[in-house]
Amino acid sequence: MEEYTFLRQLADSWGLLVLFLFFVGIVVWVFRPGSTASYRDTANIPFRHADAPAAANTDPAVKKEART
């Protein structure tokens, strides 16, 4: 049996199985019971300071770098 044929058959059978199991593992990891709070916190990052805008940078060195 040629090496290419062997590797092709290995990738077609076991490679598919490994990638499918990896996909199922990622889905289980994402939807595990303890992860909801972490994902909710991450999703709310843009809204943390919605009532007060970020302070303007008054450092002259930063303004000079922004112009160049």
PDB file of N, CA and C in Angstrom:
ATOM      1  N   MET A   1       0.845  -1.170   0.000  1.00  0.00           N
ATOM      2  CA  MET A   1       0.000   0.000   0.000  1.00  0.00           C
ATOM      3  C   MET A   1       0.895   1.239   0.000  1.00  0.00           C
ATOM      4  N   GLU A   2       0.540   2.167  -0.823  1.00  0.00           N
ATOM      5  CA  GLU A   2       1.326   3.388  -0.883  1.00  0.00           C
ATOM      6  C   GLU A   2       1.091   4.252   0.359  1.00  0.00           C
ATOM      7  N   GLU A   3       2.064   5.052   0.649  1.00  0.00           N
ATOM      8  CA  GLU A   3       1.966   5.914   1.826  1.00  0.00           C
ATOM      9  C   GLU A   3       0.848   6.939   1.661  1.00  0.00           C
ATOM     10  N   TYR A   4       0.719   7.504   0.466  1.00  0.00           N
ATOM     11  CA  TYR A   4      -0.328   8.495   0.229  1.00  0.00           C
ATOM     12  C   TYR A   4      -1.713   7.889   0.418  1.00  0.00           C
ATOM     13  N   THR A   5      -1.926   6.707  -0.105  1.00  0.00           N
ATOM     14  CA  THR A   5      -3.224   6.045   0.006  1.00  0.00           C
ATOM     15  C   THR A   5      -3.553   5.763   1.475  1.00  0.00           C
ATOM     16  N   PHE A   6      -2.562   5.303   2.209  1.00  0.00           N
ATOM     17  CA  PHE A   6      -2.766   5.044   3.638  1.00  0.00           C
ATOM     18  C   PHE A   6      -3.125   6.322   4.389  1.00  0.00           C
ATOM     19  N   LEU A   7      -2.376   7.384   4.150  1.00  0.00           N
ATOM     20  CA  LEU A   7      -2.649   8.644   4.839  1.00  0.00           C
ATOM     21  C   LEU A   7      -4.000   9.224   4.427  1.00  0.00           C
ATOM     22  N   ARG A   8      -4.370   9.049   3.180  1.00  0.00           N
ATOM     23  CA  ARG A   8      -5.668   9.529   2.705  1.00  0.00           C
ATOM     24  C   ARG A   8      -6.805   8.781   3.396  1.00  0.00           C
ATOM     25  N   GLN A   9      -6.692   7.475   3.501  1.00  0.00           N
ATOM     26  CA  GLN A   9      -7.728   6.691   4.167  1.00  0.00           C
ATOM     27  C   GLN A   9      -7.777   7.012   5.660  1.00  0.00           C
ATOM     28  N   LEU A  10      -6.627   7.234   6.263  1.00  0.00           N
ATOM     29  CA  LEU A  10      -6.576   7.599   7.675  1.00  0.00           C
ATOM     30  C   LEU A  10      -7.259   8.938   7.910  1.00  0.00           C
ATOM     31  N   ALA A  11      -6.987   9.904   7.050  1.00  0.00           N
ATOM     32  CA  ALA A  11      -7.602  11.223   7.193  1.00  0.00           C
ATOM     33  C   ALA A  11      -9.105  11.154   6.935  1.00  0.00           C
ATOM     34  N   ASP A  12      -9.529  10.337   5.983  1.00  0.00           N
ATOM     35  CA  ASP A  12     -10.953  10.225   5.675  1.00  0.00           C
ATOM     36  C   ASP A  12     -11.733   9.584   6.808  1.00  0.00           C
ATOM     37  N   SER A  13     -11.154   8.660   7.523  1.00  0.00           N
ATOM     38  CA  SER A  13     -11.901   7.964   8.560  1.00  0.00           C
ATOM     39  C   SER A  13     -11.638   8.561   9.939  1.00  0.00           C
ATOM     40  N   TRP A  14     -10.429   8.432  10.440  1.00  0.00           N
ATOM     41  CA  TRP A  14     -10.114   8.883  11.793  1.00  0.00           C
ATOM     42  C   TRP A  14     -10.041  10.404  11.896  1.00  0.00           C
ATOM     43  N   GLY A  15      -9.599  11.062  10.844  1.00  0.00           N
ATOM     44  CA  GLY A  15      -9.536  12.526  10.871  1.00  0.00           C
ATOM     45  C   GLY A  15     -10.921  13.138  11.020  1.00  0.00           C
ATOM     46  N   LEU A  16     -11.880  12.562  10.296  1.00  0.00           N
ATOM     47  CA  LEU A  16     -13.250  13.042  10.417  1.00  0.00           C
ATOM     48  C   LEU A  16     -13.778  12.818  11.828  1.00  0.00           C
ATOM     49  N   LEU A  17     -13.501  11.684  12.394  1.00  0.00           N
ATOM     50  CA  LEU A  17     -13.948  11.378  13.748  1.00  0.00           C
ATOM     51  C   LEU A  17     -13.318  12.330  14.769  1.00  0.00           C
ATOM     52  N   VAL A  18     -12.031  12.578  14.635  1.00  0.00           N
ATOM     53  CA  VAL A  18     -11.335  13.482  15.562  1.00  0.00           C
ATOM     54  C   VAL A  18     -11.899  14.894  15.466  1.00  0.00           C
ATOM     55  N   LEU A  19     -12.108  15.396  14.267  1.00  0.00           N
ATOM     56  CA  LEU A  19     -12.638  16.749  14.107  1.00  0.00           C
ATOM     57  C   LEU A  19     -14.074  16.852  14.607  1.00  0.00           C
ATOM     58  N   PHE A  20     -14.868  15.806  14.405  1.00  0.00           N
ATOM     59  CA  PHE A  20     -16.235  15.812  14.920  1.00  0.00           C
ATOM     60  C   PHE A  20     -16.240  15.830  16.450  1.00  0.00           C
ATOM     61  N   LEU A  21     -15.390  15.025  17.065  1.00  0.00           N
ATOM     62  CA  LEU A  21     -15.306  15.010  18.525  1.00  0.00           C
ATOM     63  C   LEU A  21     -14.802  16.347  19.070  1.00  0.00           C
ATOM     64  N   PHE A  22     -13.877  16.980  18.366  1.00  0.00           N
ATOM     65  CA  PHE A  22     -13.398  18.300  18.758  1.00  0.00           C
ATOM     66  C   PHE A  22     -14.540  19.313  18.711  1.00  0.00           C
ATOM     67  N   PHE A  23     -15.351  19.272  17.658  1.00  0.00           N
ATOM     68  CA  PHE A  23     -16.492  20.170  17.518  1.00  0.00           C
ATOM     69  C   PHE A  23     -17.491  19.949  18.649  1.00  0.00           C
ATOM     70  N   VAL A  24     -17.813  18.716  18.940  1.00  0.00           N
ATOM     71  CA  VAL A  24     -18.751  18.404  20.019  1.00  0.00           C
ATOM     72  C   VAL A  24     -18.185  18.876  21.357  1.00  0.00           C
ATOM     73  N   GLY A  25     -16.896  18.710  21.563  1.00  0.00           N
ATOM     74  CA  GLY A  25     -16.270  19.177  22.796  1.00  0.00           C
ATOM     75  C   GLY A  25     -16.361  20.686  22.955  1.00  0.00           C
ATOM     76  N   ILE A  26     -16.151  21.426  21.883  1.00  0.00           N
ATOM     77  CA  ILE A  26     -16.257  22.886  21.935  1.00  0.00           C
ATOM     78  C   ILE A  26     -17.690  23.298  22.248  1.00  0.00           C
ATOM     79  N   VAL A  27     -18.663  22.654  21.620  1.00  0.00           N
ATOM     80  CA  VAL A  27     -20.070  22.985  21.882  1.00  0.00           C
ATOM     81  C   VAL A  27     -20.424  22.697  23.340  1.00  0.00           C
ATOM     82  N   VAL A  28     -19.976  21.581  23.858  1.00  0.00           N
ATOM     83  CA  VAL A  28     -20.235  21.250  25.267  1.00  0.00           C
ATOM     84  C   VAL A  28     -19.556  22.270  26.178  1.00  0.00           C
ATOM     85  N   TRP A  29     -18.338  22.677  25.847  1.00  0.00           N
ATOM     86  CA  TRP A  29     -17.605  23.650  26.653  1.00  0.00           C
ATOM     87  C   TRP A  29     -18.338  24.994  26.683  1.00  0.00           C
ATOM     88  N   VAL A  30     -18.860  25.424  25.542  1.00  0.00           N
ATOM     89  CA  VAL A  30     -19.531  26.719  25.468  1.00  0.00           C
ATOM     90  C   VAL A  30     -20.847  26.705  26.240  1.00  0.00           C
ATOM     91  N   PHE A  31     -21.590  25.623  26.162  1.00  0.00           N
ATOM     92  CA  PHE A  31     -22.902  25.564  26.790  1.00  0.00           C
ATOM     93  C   PHE A  31     -22.900  24.882  28.157  1.00  0.00           C
ATOM     94  N   ARG A  32     -21.755  24.794  28.797  1.00  0.00           N
ATOM     95  CA  ARG A  32     -21.707  24.188  30.127  1.00  0.00           C
ATOM     96  C   ARG A  32     -22.437  25.092  31.119  1.00  0.00           C
ATOM     97  N   PRO A  33     -22.963  24.531  32.189  1.00  0.00           N
ATOM     98  CA  PRO A  33     -23.792  25.314  33.116  1.00  0.00           C
ATOM     99  C   PRO A  33     -23.093  26.511  33.761  1.00  0.00           C
ATOM    100  N   GLY A  34     -21.830  26.448  34.065  1.00  0.00           N
ATOM    101  CA  GLY A  34     -21.166  27.539  34.768  1.00  0.00           C
ATOM    102  C   GLY A  34     -20.684  28.672  33.892  1.00  0.00           C
ATOM    103  N   SER A  35     -20.853  28.584  32.608  1.00  0.00           N
ATOM    104  CA  SER A  35     -20.280  29.589  31.713  1.00  0.00           C
ATOM    105  C   SER A  35     -21.211  30.756  31.423  1.00  0.00           C
ATOM    106  N   THR A  36     -22.450  30.681  31.806  1.00  0.00           N
ATOM    107  CA  THR A  36     -23.410  31.729  31.465  1.00  0.00           C
ATOM    108  C   THR A  36     -22.998  33.083  32.032  1.00  0.00           C
ATOM    109  N   ALA A  37     -22.577  33.129  33.259  1.00  0.00           N
ATOM    110  CA  ALA A  37     -22.202  34.407  33.875  1.00  0.00           C
ATOM    111  C   ALA A  37     -20.986  35.016  33.186  1.00  0.00           C
ATOM    112  N   SER A  38     -20.048  34.194  32.832  1.00  0.00           N
ATOM    113  CA  SER A  38     -18.842  34.691  32.153  1.00  0.00           C
ATOM    114  C   SER A  38     -19.180  35.289  30.794  1.00  0.00           C
ATOM    115  N   TYR A  39     -20.008  34.612  30.032  1.00  0.00           N
ATOM    116  CA  TYR A  39     -20.368  35.110  28.699  1.00  0.00           C
ATOM    117  C   TYR A  39     -21.255  36.345  28.800  1.00  0.00           C
ATOM    118  N   ARG A  40     -22.125  36.394  29.793  1.00  0.00           N
ATOM    119  CA  ARG A  40     -22.987  37.566  29.973  1.00  0.00           C
ATOM    120  C   ARG A  40     -22.129  38.777  30.336  1.00  0.00           C
ATOM    121  N   ASP A  41     -21.137  38.593  31.204  1.00  0.00           N
ATOM    122  CA  ASP A  41     -20.244  39.684  31.582  1.00  0.00           C
ATOM    123  C   ASP A  41     -19.451  40.181  30.368  1.00  0.00           C
ATOM    124  N   THR A  42     -18.950  39.270  29.570  1.00  0.00           N
ATOM    125  CA  THR A  42     -18.191  39.646  28.383  1.00  0.00           C
ATOM    126  C   THR A  42     -19.070  40.372  27.374  1.00  0.00           C
ATOM    127  N   ALA A  43     -20.303  39.941  27.215  1.00  0.00           N
ATOM    128  CA  ALA A  43     -21.208  40.577  26.252  1.00  0.00           C
ATOM    129  C   ALA A  43     -21.573  41.991  26.668  1.00  0.00           C
ATOM    130  N   ASN A  44     -21.529  42.305  27.952  1.00  0.00           N
ATOM    131  CA  ASN A  44     -21.919  43.627  28.435  1.00  0.00           C
ATOM    132  C   ASN A  44     -20.762  44.617  28.538  1.00  0.00           C
ATOM    133  N   ILE A  45     -19.580  44.264  28.087  1.00  0.00           N
ATOM    134  CA  ILE A  45     -18.430  45.176  28.157  1.00  0.00           C
ATOM    135  C   ILE A  45     -18.713  46.522  27.481  1.00  0.00           C
ATOM    136  N   PRO A  46     -19.303  46.586  26.293  1.00  0.00           N
ATOM    137  CA  PRO A  46     -19.530  47.901  25.672  1.00  0.00           C
ATOM    138  C   PRO A  46     -20.503  48.789  26.438  1.00  0.00           C
ATOM    139  N   PHE A  47     -21.326  48.225  27.298  1.00  0.00           N
ATOM    140  CA  PHE A  47     -22.350  48.992  27.988  1.00  0.00           C
ATOM    141  C   PHE A  47     -21.984  49.330  29.436  1.00  0.00           C
ATOM    142  N   ARG A  48     -20.785  49.048  29.859  1.00  0.00           N
ATOM    143  CA  ARG A  48     -20.416  49.273  31.258  1.00  0.00           C
ATOM    144  C   ARG A  48     -20.425  50.741  31.639  1.00  0.00           C
ATOM    145  N   HIS A  49     -19.992  51.612  30.764  1.00  0.00           N
ATOM    146  CA  HIS A  49     -19.902  53.038  31.071  1.00  0.00           C
ATOM    147  C   HIS A  49     -20.833  53.836  30.161  1.00  0.00           C
ATOM    148  N   ALA A  50     -22.024  53.340  29.957  1.00  0.00           N
ATOM    149  CA  ALA A  50     -22.965  54.008  29.069  1.00  0.00           C
ATOM    150  C   ALA A  50     -23.452  55.330  29.651  1.00  0.00           C
ATOM    151  N   ASP A  51     -23.487  55.484  30.974  1.00  0.00           N
ATOM    152  CA  ASP A  51     -23.989  56.715  31.580  1.00  0.00           C
ATOM    153  C   ASP A  51     -22.938  57.820  31.617  1.00  0.00           C
ATOM    154  N   ALA A  52     -21.660  57.494  31.523  1.00  0.00           N
ATOM    155  CA  ALA A  52     -20.604  58.500  31.551  1.00  0.00           C
ATOM    156  C   ALA A  52     -19.580  58.171  30.463  1.00  0.00           C
ATOM    157  N   PRO A  53     -19.368  59.084  29.534  1.00  0.00           N
ATOM    158  CA  PRO A  53     -18.387  58.807  28.483  1.00  0.00           C
ATOM    159  C   PRO A  53     -16.964  58.758  29.039  1.00  0.00           C
ATOM    160  N   ALA A  54     -16.086  58.188  28.282  1.00  0.00           N
ATOM    161  CA  ALA A  54     -14.691  58.099  28.704  1.00  0.00           C
ATOM    162  C   ALA A  54     -14.095  59.497  28.796  1.00  0.00           C
ATOM    163  N   ALA A  55     -13.183  59.679  29.721  1.00  0.00           N
ATOM    164  CA  ALA A  55     -12.553  60.980  29.916  1.00  0.00           C
ATOM    165  C   ALA A  55     -11.678  61.321  28.716  1.00  0.00           C
ATOM    166  N   ALA A  56     -11.691  62.591  28.338  1.00  0.00           N
ATOM    167  CA  ALA A  56     -10.864  63.052  27.229  1.00  0.00           C
ATOM    168  C   ALA A  56      -9.402  63.041  27.654  1.00  0.00           C
ATOM    169  N   ASN A  57      -8.545  62.650  26.750  1.00  0.00           N
ATOM    170  CA  ASN A  57      -7.123  62.611  27.053  1.00  0.00           C
ATOM    171  C   ASN A  57      -6.550  64.016  26.887  1.00  0.00           C
ATOM    172  N   THR A  58      -6.044  64.598  27.953  1.00  0.00           N
ATOM    173  CA  THR A  58      -5.515  65.960  27.913  1.00  0.00           C
ATOM    174  C   THR A  58      -3.993  65.998  27.867  1.00  0.00           C
ATOM    175  N   ASP A  59      -3.354  64.867  27.698  1.00  0.00           N
ATOM    176  CA  ASP A  59      -1.894  64.811  27.656  1.00  0.00           C
ATOM    177  C   ASP A  59      -1.411  65.361  26.311  1.00  0.00           C
ATOM    178  N   PRO A  60      -0.585  66.430  26.291  1.00  0.00           N
ATOM    179  CA  PRO A  60      -0.140  67.028  25.025  1.00  0.00           C
ATOM    180  C   PRO A  60       0.705  66.071  24.180  1.00  0.00           C
ATOM    181  N   ALA A  61       1.439  65.181  24.817  1.00  0.00           N
ATOM    182  CA  ALA A  61       2.271  64.234  24.056  1.00  0.00           C
ATOM    183  C   ALA A  61       1.414  63.303  23.226  1.00  0.00           C
ATOM    184  N   VAL A  62       0.286  62.893  23.776  1.00  0.00           N
ATOM    185  CA  VAL A  62      -0.610  61.999  23.043  1.00  0.00           C
ATOM    186  C   VAL A  62      -1.238  62.727  21.873  1.00  0.00           C
ATOM    187  N   LYS A  63      -1.618  63.989  22.076  1.00  0.00           N
ATOM    188  CA  LYS A  63      -2.208  64.767  20.987  1.00  0.00           C
ATOM    189  C   LYS A  63      -1.207  64.970  19.860  1.00  0.00           C
ATOM    190  N   LYS A  64       0.066  65.190  20.204  1.00  0.00           N
ATOM    191  CA  LYS A  64       1.112  65.395  19.200  1.00  0.00           C
ATOM    192  C   LYS A  64       1.297  64.118  18.388  1.00  0.00           C
ATOM    193  N   GLU A  65       1.293  62.953  19.040  1.00  0.00           N
ATOM    194  CA  GLU A  65       1.446  61.691  18.325  1.00  0.00           C
ATOM    195  C   GLU A  65       0.277  61.434  17.411  1.00  0.00           C
ATOM    196  N   ALA A  66      -0.908  61.845  17.796  1.00  0.00           N
ATOM    197  CA  ALA A  66      -2.098  61.606  16.983  1.00  0.00           C
ATOM    198  C   ALA A  66      -2.062  62.451  15.713  1.00  0.00           C
ATOM    199  N   ARG A  67      -1.434  63.637  15.757  1.00  0.00           N
ATOM    200  CA  ARG A  67      -1.367  64.504  14.567  1.00  0.00           C
ATOM    201  C   ARG A  67      -0.338  64.020  13.560  1.00  0.00           C
ATOM    202  N   THR A  68       0.690  63.348  14.003  1.00  0.00           N
ATOM    203  CA  THR A  68       1.757  62.937  13.075  1.00  0.00           C
ATOM    204  C   THR A  68       1.465  61.640  12.409  1.00  0.00           C
TER     205      THR A  68
END
